[in-house]
Amino acid sequence: MSNTVTRFAPSPTGHLHIGGARTALFSWLLARRNNGKFVLRIEDTDQKRSTQEYTDAILDSMRWLGIDWDGELMYQSERFDLYNSYIDKLLEDGNAYWCDCTSEQVDAMREKAMLEKRKPKYDGSCRDKNIGPGENRVVRFKAPLEGRTSFNDMIKGPIVIENAEMDDMILRRSDGAPTYNLAVVVDDHTMGITQVLRGDDHINNTPRQIQIYKALGWDIPRFGHVPMILGPDKKKLSKRHGALSVMEYEKMGYLPEAVVNYLVRLGWSHGDQEIFSKEELFELFNTEHLGNSPSVFDTKKLDWVNCEYIKAKAPAELIPGMRSFLPEGTEVADEYLEKIIPLLQPRASNYKEMADMCDFFLVSADKLEYNEAAVAKVFTPEAIAHLKELTSRIEADTEFSHDSLEAIHTGYLAEKGLKFKAIGQPVRLALCGKVQSPGGLYDLMLVMGKDESIARMKKAMTLV
């Protein structure tokens, strides 16, 4: 195993959404590509908003996507003593100090700076006061006042920040709770993280965290900041674009492998290849081919990818997923579904569509409902006459195969001097109750079976 260690660190204040899932995938693939470790921690320091329900939902989402992690799950809420021990070390070493400025005073400092056209920030009033702990006091980091903080981003390249642009951030709040930037640095160091891939909304935190690493004398991991995902209108991704929780995509009938494939390609590429197996992603993924520009979420492209996965599956593999979308109480054997599914695979882009397409297969002839408008239009006296003759010939067919059914229909058309359209719609409507359905006529009959096909055709003749 290599020394590569990556992580994903969601906050359980909501469900795992597409953007977070993509970041998790990139970090996971980077670790797997390098035969390293991928660890998971729950950043639940916000005790008011963090819930076990959201934690469970995040874990369910990752399991559904197939993202596994190494070692035990870690919770920040269980590590407050560890964080505070390092804050105490920073205080002892002179790299942090106590501050008794009120929030109103800090707001006034920022307003004054803005009026003077300076960076709005805390002005360091308590930096050299040497005050100790006390009620309503916080601990601040003693940031360098001069020079620059720089890093070579794995995606964006060299980034340099003037230290004068940053202020003395709070490390410990007045209630004793550590702040995000301090906790993240301690976690990443103690967990041995070597590469941090995260959304570029964190890019402003990185130089602050690097300063903490340096103050504690620790090695600094490599950072990479992934651009955001935009909607088709090039605006921030929202629910109307598809910014849903991961498990909503399961509810809409998408295959997890297809969602993974789509999300990975949303910002990463390997030539013109579009479809990747998990094994190929493990072999090919690298940060060099992560894009530096925002990606656009395209539901139509996701549908196409999902359709490709559906077409590539063996019918039996699709049965469990499809079953969850069948009407409640539907009783149908796996063997029957396995015959139906090949007719659906070329046309359906998700499990829900597959279930909707096969509704007419799941009822017997006596319960099949017919589209009234189609019946009025298609079942002319001539059409009914064709159905009667074809039904009679099918009843007499002892072979009942694709070839024999084709011979019956083409032979009848030749005898009567007709085009296929004269019987195509009437027969399909008789079998399916509608004029549009998946599969060819002979395939439909073979799936339904001889007795059911004849029963449906006979029922259709009684409708007019």
Protein backbone atom coordinates (compact mmCIF):
# COMPACT_ATOMS: atom_id res chain seq x y z
CA MET A 1 0.00 0.00 0.00
CA SER A 2 1.29 3.47 -0.88
CA ASN A 3 1.50 6.40 1.51
CA THR A 4 -1.40 8.17 -0.24
CA VAL A 5 -4.18 8.99 2.21
CA THR A 6 -7.21 11.02 1.15
CA ARG A 7 -10.42 11.88 2.97
CA PHE A 8 -13.98 13.04 2.68
CA ALA A 9 -15.35 15.13 5.52
CA PRO A 10 -19.08 15.95 5.22
CA SER A 11 -21.05 17.93 7.78
CA PRO A 12 -24.24 16.13 8.91
CA THR A 13 -26.35 19.27 8.66
CA GLY A 14 -28.16 18.04 5.55
CA HIS A 15 -28.25 15.28 2.96
CA LEU A 16 -25.33 14.44 0.67
CA HIS A 17 -25.87 16.32 -2.56
CA ILE A 18 -24.36 15.89 -6.00
CA GLY A 19 -21.50 18.35 -5.48
CA GLY A 20 -20.35 16.67 -2.27
CA ALA A 21 -20.74 13.22 -3.80
CA ARG A 22 -18.49 14.20 -6.71
CA THR A 23 -15.82 15.48 -4.32
CA ALA A 24 -16.03 12.23 -2.35
CA LEU A 25 -15.66 10.25 -5.58
CA PHE A 26 -12.58 12.17 -6.67
CA SER A 27 -10.90 11.67 -3.28
CA TRP A 28 -11.85 7.98 -3.22
CA LEU A 29 -10.55 7.37 -6.74
CA LEU A 30 -7.29 9.20 -6.00
CA ALA A 31 -6.68 6.86 -3.08
CA ARG A 32 -7.69 3.72 -4.96
CA ARG A 33 -5.64 4.73 -8.01
CA ASN A 34 -2.53 4.94 -5.84
CA ASN A 35 -3.35 1.86 -3.75
CA GLY A 36 -3.68 4.14 -0.74
CA LYS A 37 -6.26 4.80 1.95
CA PHE A 38 -9.53 6.72 1.82
CA VAL A 39 -10.88 7.79 5.20
CA LEU A 40 -14.18 9.28 6.22
CA ARG A 41 -14.87 11.69 9.04
CA ILE A 42 -18.06 13.41 10.09
CA GLU A 43 -17.54 17.09 10.82
CA ASP A 44 -20.27 17.46 13.43
CA THR A 45 -18.86 20.30 15.51
CA ASP A 46 -22.04 22.29 14.80
CA GLN A 47 -24.00 20.48 17.48
CA LYS A 48 -27.18 22.49 16.93
CA ARG A 49 -27.57 21.58 13.26
CA SER A 50 -25.87 18.18 13.12
CA THR A 51 -28.14 15.15 13.46
CA GLN A 52 -27.73 11.39 13.45
CA GLU A 53 -30.44 11.24 10.79
CA TYR A 54 -28.30 13.25 8.40
CA THR A 55 -25.20 11.22 9.28
CA ASP A 56 -27.07 8.01 8.45
CA ALA A 57 -28.36 9.53 5.21
CA ILE A 58 -24.83 10.50 4.15
CA LEU A 59 -23.53 7.00 4.88
CA ASP A 60 -26.46 5.44 3.00
CA SER A 61 -25.69 7.65 0.00
CA MET A 62 -22.04 6.65 -0.05
CA ARG A 63 -22.89 2.98 0.26
CA TRP A 64 -25.41 3.27 -2.58
CA LEU A 65 -22.73 4.86 -4.78
CA GLY A 66 -20.33 2.08 -3.83
CA ILE A 67 -17.82 4.39 -2.12
CA ASP A 68 -16.12 2.38 0.61
CA TRP A 69 -13.76 3.80 3.21
CA ASP A 70 -10.83 2.43 5.17
CA GLY A 71 -10.74 2.18 8.94
CA GLU A 72 -13.35 3.35 11.38
CA LEU A 73 -15.63 6.30 10.85
CA MET A 74 -14.39 9.34 12.79
CA TYR A 75 -16.52 12.02 14.44
CA GLN A 76 -15.13 15.47 15.21
CA SER A 77 -17.50 15.83 18.17
CA GLU A 78 -15.50 13.09 19.94
CA ARG A 79 -12.18 14.92 19.56
CA PHE A 80 -12.69 18.27 21.32
CA ASP A 81 -10.08 17.44 23.97
CA LEU A 82 -7.54 16.71 21.25
CA TYR A 83 -8.26 19.98 19.45
CA ASN A 84 -8.00 21.99 22.63
CA SER A 85 -4.69 20.37 23.52
CA TYR A 86 -3.22 21.74 20.30
CA ILE A 87 -4.77 25.15 20.88
CA ASP A 88 -3.05 25.13 24.28
CA LYS A 89 0.23 24.25 22.56
CA LEU A 90 -0.16 27.19 20.18
CA LEU A 91 -0.77 29.44 23.19
CA GLU A 92 2.31 28.08 24.99
CA ASP A 93 4.50 28.58 21.91
CA GLY A 94 3.33 32.16 21.40
CA ASN A 95 1.47 31.36 18.19
CA ALA A 96 -1.95 32.16 19.67
CA TYR A 97 -3.38 34.59 22.24
CA TRP A 98 -6.48 35.30 24.28
CA CYS A 99 -8.84 38.02 23.06
CA ASP A 100 -11.63 39.76 24.98
CA CYS A 101 -12.95 41.93 22.14
CA THR A 102 -16.71 41.75 21.79
CA SER A 103 -18.43 40.98 18.50
CA GLU A 104 -19.63 44.60 18.43
CA GLN A 105 -16.05 45.84 18.75
CA VAL A 106 -14.89 43.54 15.95
CA ASP A 107 -17.74 44.73 13.72
CA ALA A 108 -16.66 48.31 14.39
CA MET A 109 -13.07 47.47 13.41
CA ARG A 110 -14.26 46.06 10.12
CA GLU A 111 -16.52 48.99 9.37
CA LYS A 112 -13.69 51.41 10.06
CA ALA A 113 -11.36 49.48 7.76
CA MET A 114 -13.94 49.56 4.97
CA LEU A 115 -14.37 53.32 5.34
CA GLU A 116 -10.61 53.66 5.06
CA LYS A 117 -10.64 51.37 2.00
CA ARG A 118 -8.69 48.68 3.83
CA LYS A 119 -9.38 44.96 4.15
CA PRO A 120 -12.24 44.53 6.67
CA LYS A 121 -10.75 42.36 9.41
CA TYR A 122 -9.91 42.08 13.09
CA ASP A 123 -7.19 44.61 13.84
CA GLY A 124 -5.16 42.61 16.38
CA SER A 125 -6.08 44.75 19.38
CA CYS A 126 -5.39 41.94 21.87
CA ARG A 127 -2.37 40.54 20.06
CA ASP A 128 0.19 41.92 22.56
CA LYS A 129 -1.98 42.39 25.68
CA ASN A 130 -0.89 39.08 27.22
CA ILE A 131 -4.29 38.55 28.81
CA GLY A 132 -5.30 35.12 30.01
CA PRO A 133 -8.48 33.06 29.88
CA GLY A 134 -11.72 34.55 31.09
CA GLU A 135 -15.44 34.67 30.55
CA ASN A 136 -16.50 35.44 26.94
CA ARG A 137 -12.88 35.35 25.76
CA VAL A 138 -11.70 33.57 22.61
CA VAL A 139 -8.33 32.29 21.48
CA ARG A 140 -6.96 33.80 18.27
CA PHE A 141 -4.15 32.63 15.99
CA LYS A 142 -1.18 34.95 15.82
CA ALA A 143 -0.86 35.06 12.05
CA PRO A 144 2.29 36.36 10.34
CA LEU A 145 1.90 40.04 9.48
CA GLU A 146 4.34 40.09 6.57
CA GLY A 147 5.30 37.87 3.68
CA ARG A 148 3.16 35.47 1.69
CA THR A 149 1.51 32.12 2.08
CA SER A 150 1.60 30.04 -1.08
CA PHE A 151 0.76 26.55 -2.29
CA ASN A 152 0.67 24.68 -5.58
CA ASP A 153 -2.94 23.62 -6.05
CA MET A 154 -3.31 20.21 -7.75
CA ILE A 155 -6.01 21.66 -10.01
CA LYS A 156 -5.57 25.43 -10.11
CA GLY A 157 -1.78 25.64 -10.01
CA PRO A 158 0.27 28.10 -7.92
CA ILE A 159 -1.73 30.28 -5.50
CA VAL A 160 -0.16 33.07 -3.47
CA ILE A 161 -1.86 35.09 -0.71
CA GLU A 162 -0.38 38.16 0.96
CA ASN A 163 -0.33 37.56 4.71
CA ALA A 164 -1.46 41.14 5.25
CA GLU A 165 -4.77 40.14 3.65
CA MET A 166 -5.53 37.67 6.47
CA ASP A 167 -6.44 38.39 10.07
CA ASP A 168 -5.93 36.59 13.36
CA MET A 169 -8.63 33.96 13.09
CA ILE A 170 -10.41 32.53 16.10
CA LEU A 171 -9.20 29.05 17.11
CA ARG A 172 -11.39 28.55 20.19
CA ARG A 173 -14.78 30.16 20.67
CA SER A 174 -15.93 31.72 23.93
CA ASP A 175 -17.90 28.54 24.73
CA GLY A 176 -14.71 26.48 24.49
CA ALA A 177 -15.50 24.92 21.11
CA PRO A 178 -12.69 24.74 18.54
CA THR A 179 -13.28 26.36 15.16
CA TYR A 180 -13.39 24.67 11.78
CA ASN A 181 -9.94 25.60 10.49
CA LEU A 182 -8.15 24.40 13.62
CA ALA A 183 -10.10 21.14 13.83
CA VAL A 184 -9.53 20.33 10.16
CA VAL A 185 -5.78 20.79 10.44
CA VAL A 186 -5.54 18.60 13.54
CA ASP A 187 -7.73 15.95 11.92
CA ASP A 188 -5.87 15.88 8.62
CA HIS A 189 -2.50 15.69 10.39
CA THR A 190 -3.44 13.01 12.92
CA MET A 191 -5.19 10.95 10.23
CA GLY A 192 -2.09 11.13 8.01
CA ILE A 193 -3.85 12.87 5.11
CA THR A 194 -1.44 13.44 2.23
CA GLN A 195 -3.79 14.95 -0.38
CA VAL A 196 -6.89 17.05 0.21
CA LEU A 197 -9.41 17.31 -2.62
CA ARG A 198 -12.35 19.57 -1.83
CA GLY A 199 -14.66 22.15 -3.37
CA ASP A 200 -13.19 25.48 -4.36
CA ASP A 201 -15.48 27.20 -1.86
CA HIS A 202 -12.76 26.16 0.64
CA ILE A 203 -9.93 27.82 -1.22
CA ASN A 204 -9.87 30.83 1.14
CA ASN A 205 -9.45 28.47 4.11
CA THR A 206 -6.33 26.83 2.69
CA PRO A 207 -3.75 29.57 3.37
CA ARG A 208 -5.13 29.93 6.91
CA GLN A 209 -4.77 26.21 7.47
CA ILE A 210 -1.27 26.20 6.01
CA GLN A 211 -0.27 28.82 8.58
CA ILE A 212 -1.55 26.57 11.38
CA TYR A 213 0.41 23.62 9.94
CA LYS A 214 3.57 25.71 9.95
CA ALA A 215 2.99 26.99 13.49
CA LEU A 216 2.62 23.40 14.74
CA GLY A 217 5.67 22.24 12.77
CA TRP A 218 3.71 19.72 10.69
CA ASP A 219 4.07 18.58 7.09
CA ILE A 220 1.54 20.24 4.79
CA PRO A 221 -0.60 18.02 2.56
CA ARG A 222 -1.15 18.77 -1.09
CA PHE A 223 -4.37 20.65 -1.79
CA GLY A 224 -6.66 20.52 -4.80
CA HIS A 225 -9.80 22.60 -5.16
CA VAL A 226 -12.50 21.28 -7.45
CA PRO A 227 -14.56 23.89 -9.36
CA MET A 228 -18.27 24.02 -8.65
CA ILE A 229 -21.06 22.47 -10.68
CA LEU A 230 -23.34 24.87 -12.56
CA GLY A 231 -26.81 24.45 -13.99
CA PRO A 232 -27.44 24.59 -17.76
CA ASP A 233 -28.02 28.34 -17.39
CA LYS A 234 -24.45 28.65 -16.01
CA LYS A 235 -25.78 29.69 -12.62
CA LYS A 236 -25.17 27.98 -9.29
CA LEU A 237 -26.64 24.50 -9.33
CA SER A 238 -30.04 24.39 -7.66
CA LYS A 239 -32.84 21.86 -7.24
CA ARG A 240 -34.41 22.88 -10.52
CA HIS A 241 -31.18 21.89 -12.28
CA GLY A 242 -30.75 18.56 -10.50
CA ALA A 243 -29.00 19.59 -7.28
CA LEU A 244 -30.82 16.92 -5.34
CA SER A 245 -29.65 14.64 -2.58
CA VAL A 246 -27.93 11.53 -3.87
CA MET A 247 -30.70 9.22 -2.71
CA GLU A 248 -33.25 11.16 -4.78
CA TYR A 249 -31.54 9.74 -7.84
CA GLU A 250 -32.14 6.25 -6.52
CA LYS A 251 -35.81 7.17 -6.11
CA MET A 252 -35.90 8.39 -9.72
CA GLY A 253 -34.62 5.06 -10.98
CA TYR A 254 -30.97 5.73 -11.76
CA LEU A 255 -28.34 3.03 -11.41
CA PRO A 256 -25.60 3.92 -8.89
CA GLU A 257 -22.85 2.90 -11.34
CA ALA A 258 -24.27 5.32 -13.91
CA VAL A 259 -24.44 8.19 -11.40
CA VAL A 260 -20.83 7.52 -10.42
CA ASN A 261 -19.76 7.44 -14.08
CA TYR A 262 -21.58 10.68 -14.83
CA LEU A 263 -20.27 12.54 -11.79
CA VAL A 264 -16.67 11.51 -12.41
CA ARG A 265 -16.90 12.71 -16.01
CA LEU A 266 -18.33 16.00 -14.71
CA GLY A 267 -14.94 17.65 -14.41
CA TRP A 268 -12.55 14.82 -15.29
CA SER A 269 -11.74 13.26 -18.64
CA HIS A 270 -9.70 10.53 -20.25
CA GLY A 271 -9.62 11.29 -23.95
CA ASP A 272 -13.06 10.96 -25.50
CA GLN A 273 -14.10 7.94 -23.45
CA GLU A 274 -17.51 8.37 -21.82
CA ILE A 275 -18.32 5.05 -20.13
CA PHE A 276 -15.98 3.68 -17.47
CA SER A 277 -16.14 0.60 -15.29
CA LYS A 278 -15.09 0.97 -11.66
CA GLU A 279 -11.91 -0.94 -12.44
CA GLU A 280 -11.08 1.44 -15.29
CA LEU A 281 -11.61 4.45 -13.03
CA PHE A 282 -9.27 2.96 -10.43
CA GLU A 283 -6.64 2.49 -13.12
CA LEU A 284 -7.03 5.76 -15.02
CA PHE A 285 -8.09 8.49 -12.58
CA ASN A 286 -5.60 11.26 -11.91
CA THR A 287 -5.72 14.88 -10.77
CA GLU A 288 -3.87 16.07 -13.88
CA HIS A 289 -7.04 15.66 -15.95
CA LEU A 290 -9.36 17.40 -13.51
CA GLY A 291 -10.75 20.52 -15.15
CA ASN A 292 -10.08 24.00 -13.82
CA SER A 293 -13.43 25.40 -14.98
CA PRO A 294 -16.92 24.85 -13.54
CA SER A 295 -18.84 21.90 -14.97
CA VAL A 296 -22.40 22.08 -16.24
CA PHE A 297 -24.91 19.55 -14.94
CA ASP A 298 -26.86 18.07 -17.84
CA THR A 299 -29.77 15.79 -16.94
CA LYS A 300 -30.05 14.60 -20.55
CA LYS A 301 -26.44 13.44 -20.47
CA LEU A 302 -27.07 11.64 -17.17
CA ASP A 303 -30.08 9.94 -18.76
CA TRP A 304 -27.92 8.85 -21.70
CA VAL A 305 -25.24 7.41 -19.41
CA ASN A 306 -27.89 5.61 -17.36
CA CYS A 307 -29.45 4.20 -20.52
CA GLU A 308 -26.06 2.88 -21.64
CA TYR A 309 -25.68 1.08 -18.32
CA ILE A 310 -29.18 -0.38 -18.58
CA LYS A 311 -28.48 -1.69 -22.08
CA ALA A 312 -25.21 -3.27 -20.96
CA LYS A 313 -26.71 -5.18 -18.04
CA ALA A 314 -27.90 -8.78 -18.17
CA PRO A 315 -31.70 -8.71 -17.73
CA ALA A 316 -31.51 -10.66 -14.47
CA GLU A 317 -29.28 -7.93 -12.97
CA LEU A 318 -32.00 -5.31 -13.52
CA ILE A 319 -34.81 -7.24 -11.84
CA PRO A 320 -34.23 -6.05 -8.22
CA GLY A 321 -34.00 -2.39 -9.19
CA MET A 322 -36.98 -2.54 -11.51
CA ARG A 323 -39.15 -4.33 -8.93
CA SER A 324 -39.01 -1.35 -6.57
CA PHE A 325 -40.83 0.74 -9.20
CA LEU A 326 -43.61 -1.69 -9.98
CA PRO A 327 -47.07 -0.87 -8.57
CA GLU A 328 -47.49 -1.91 -4.97
CA GLY A 329 -48.91 -5.42 -4.69
CA THR A 330 -47.66 -6.50 -8.12
CA GLU A 331 -47.02 -10.22 -8.15
CA VAL A 332 -44.79 -11.26 -11.01
CA ALA A 333 -42.16 -13.98 -11.24
CA ASP A 334 -38.51 -13.15 -11.86
CA GLU A 335 -38.57 -15.46 -14.86
CA TYR A 336 -41.32 -13.40 -16.48
CA LEU A 337 -39.54 -10.09 -15.78
CA GLU A 338 -36.37 -11.53 -17.26
CA LYS A 339 -38.27 -12.07 -20.53
CA ILE A 340 -39.82 -8.59 -20.48
CA ILE A 341 -36.69 -6.60 -19.69
CA PRO A 342 -34.84 -7.11 -23.03
CA LEU A 343 -37.75 -5.35 -24.76
CA LEU A 344 -37.35 -2.37 -22.40
CA GLN A 345 -33.56 -2.02 -22.30
CA PRO A 346 -33.08 -0.24 -25.66
CA ARG A 347 -35.74 2.37 -24.84
CA ALA A 348 -35.68 3.11 -21.09
CA SER A 349 -33.35 5.59 -19.44
CA ASN A 350 -34.17 4.54 -15.85
CA TYR A 351 -35.95 1.93 -13.75
CA LYS A 352 -39.08 4.05 -13.46
CA GLU A 353 -39.47 4.23 -17.22
CA MET A 354 -38.94 0.49 -17.44
CA ALA A 355 -41.72 -0.12 -14.93
CA ASP A 356 -44.05 2.33 -16.69
CA MET A 357 -43.40 0.73 -20.09
CA CYS A 358 -44.25 -2.76 -18.98
CA ASP A 359 -47.59 -2.06 -17.24
CA PHE A 360 -49.59 -4.01 -19.85
CA PHE A 361 -47.44 -7.11 -19.28
CA LEU A 362 -48.39 -7.26 -15.62
CA VAL A 363 -52.15 -7.83 -16.02
CA SER A 364 -54.13 -10.66 -17.54
CA ALA A 365 -56.29 -10.21 -20.63
CA ASP A 366 -59.47 -9.81 -18.61
CA LYS A 367 -57.98 -6.85 -16.68
CA LEU A 368 -56.16 -5.15 -19.55
CA GLU A 369 -57.43 -1.60 -20.08
CA TYR A 370 -57.59 -0.13 -23.59
CA ASN A 371 -57.03 3.45 -24.69
CA GLU A 372 -60.51 4.50 -25.77
CA ALA A 373 -59.35 7.06 -28.32
CA ALA A 374 -57.02 4.51 -29.92
CA VAL A 375 -59.78 1.89 -30.00
CA ALA A 376 -62.14 4.30 -31.78
CA LYS A 377 -59.51 5.24 -34.32
CA VAL A 378 -57.75 1.92 -34.99
CA PHE A 379 -60.38 -0.80 -34.62
CA THR A 380 -62.20 -0.27 -37.89
CA PRO A 381 -64.34 -3.10 -39.32
CA GLU A 382 -61.45 -3.95 -41.63
CA ALA A 383 -59.00 -4.07 -38.71
CA ILE A 384 -61.29 -6.35 -36.71
CA ALA A 385 -61.56 -8.69 -39.70
CA HIS A 386 -57.77 -8.84 -39.90
CA LEU A 387 -57.56 -9.60 -36.17
CA LYS A 388 -60.07 -12.45 -36.46
CA GLU A 389 -58.17 -14.10 -39.27
CA LEU A 390 -54.76 -13.64 -37.65
CA THR A 391 -56.05 -14.96 -34.32
CA SER A 392 -57.36 -18.06 -36.05
CA ARG A 393 -54.02 -18.69 -37.73
CA ILE A 394 -52.07 -18.15 -34.51
CA GLU A 395 -54.35 -20.61 -32.69
CA ALA A 396 -53.50 -23.20 -35.32
CA ASP A 397 -49.74 -22.52 -35.02
CA THR A 398 -48.20 -25.47 -33.15
CA GLU A 399 -44.68 -24.03 -33.26
CA PHE A 400 -45.37 -20.53 -31.86
CA SER A 401 -41.89 -19.15 -32.50
CA HIS A 402 -40.59 -15.87 -33.86
CA ASP A 403 -40.21 -17.43 -37.31
CA SER A 404 -43.67 -19.00 -37.35
CA LEU A 405 -45.36 -15.80 -36.16
CA GLU A 406 -43.52 -13.79 -38.78
CA ALA A 407 -44.57 -16.29 -41.44
CA ILE A 408 -48.23 -16.04 -40.38
CA HIS A 409 -48.30 -12.25 -40.55
CA THR A 410 -46.24 -11.77 -43.71
CA GLY A 411 -48.15 -14.57 -45.41
CA TYR A 412 -51.47 -12.94 -44.54
CA LEU A 413 -50.31 -9.58 -45.86
CA ALA A 414 -49.13 -11.18 -49.12
CA GLU A 415 -52.46 -12.94 -49.58
CA LYS A 416 -54.44 -9.77 -49.05
CA GLY A 417 -52.03 -7.47 -50.87
CA LEU A 418 -51.65 -5.29 -47.75
CA LYS A 419 -48.86 -3.23 -46.20
CA PHE A 420 -47.76 -4.03 -42.64
CA LYS A 421 -49.36 -0.86 -41.27
CA ALA A 422 -52.78 -2.42 -42.00
CA ILE A 423 -52.25 -4.94 -39.21
CA GLY A 424 -49.38 -3.45 -37.15
CA GLN A 425 -51.37 -0.96 -35.06
CA PRO A 426 -54.47 -3.17 -34.63
CA VAL A 427 -52.40 -6.12 -33.37
CA ARG A 428 -50.27 -3.95 -31.05
CA LEU A 429 -53.38 -2.26 -29.65
CA ALA A 430 -55.01 -5.64 -29.12
CA LEU A 431 -51.97 -6.97 -27.25
CA CYS A 432 -51.01 -3.90 -25.23
CA GLY A 433 -54.12 -1.73 -24.91
CA LYS A 434 -52.21 1.12 -26.60
CA VAL A 435 -50.54 1.78 -29.92
CA GLN A 436 -47.11 2.60 -28.55
CA SER A 437 -45.19 -0.05 -26.64
CA PRO A 438 -41.70 -1.52 -26.52
CA GLY A 439 -40.74 -4.53 -28.60
CA GLY A 440 -41.75 -5.99 -31.91
CA LEU A 441 -45.12 -7.72 -32.29
CA TYR A 442 -43.66 -11.22 -32.41
CA ASP A 443 -41.44 -10.53 -29.39
CA LEU A 444 -44.47 -9.26 -27.46
CA MET A 445 -46.42 -12.42 -28.23
CA LEU A 446 -43.54 -14.69 -27.27
CA VAL A 447 -43.14 -12.95 -23.91
CA MET A 448 -46.88 -13.07 -23.19
CA GLY A 449 -47.23 -16.62 -24.39
CA LYS A 450 -49.64 -18.13 -26.89
CA ASP A 451 -52.72 -18.39 -24.66
CA GLU A 452 -52.45 -14.85 -23.30
CA SER A 453 -51.79 -13.36 -26.76
CA ILE A 454 -54.86 -15.08 -28.19
CA ALA A 455 -57.00 -14.07 -25.21
CA ARG A 456 -56.03 -10.41 -25.70
CA MET A 457 -56.74 -10.47 -29.41
CA LYS A 458 -60.13 -12.06 -28.83
CA LYS A 459 -60.97 -9.50 -26.16
CA ALA A 460 -60.04 -6.67 -28.53
CA MET A 461 -62.59 -7.92 -31.05
CA THR A 462 -65.39 -7.41 -28.52
CA LEU A 463 -64.58 -3.73 -27.94
CA VAL A 464 -66.41 -2.46 -31.07
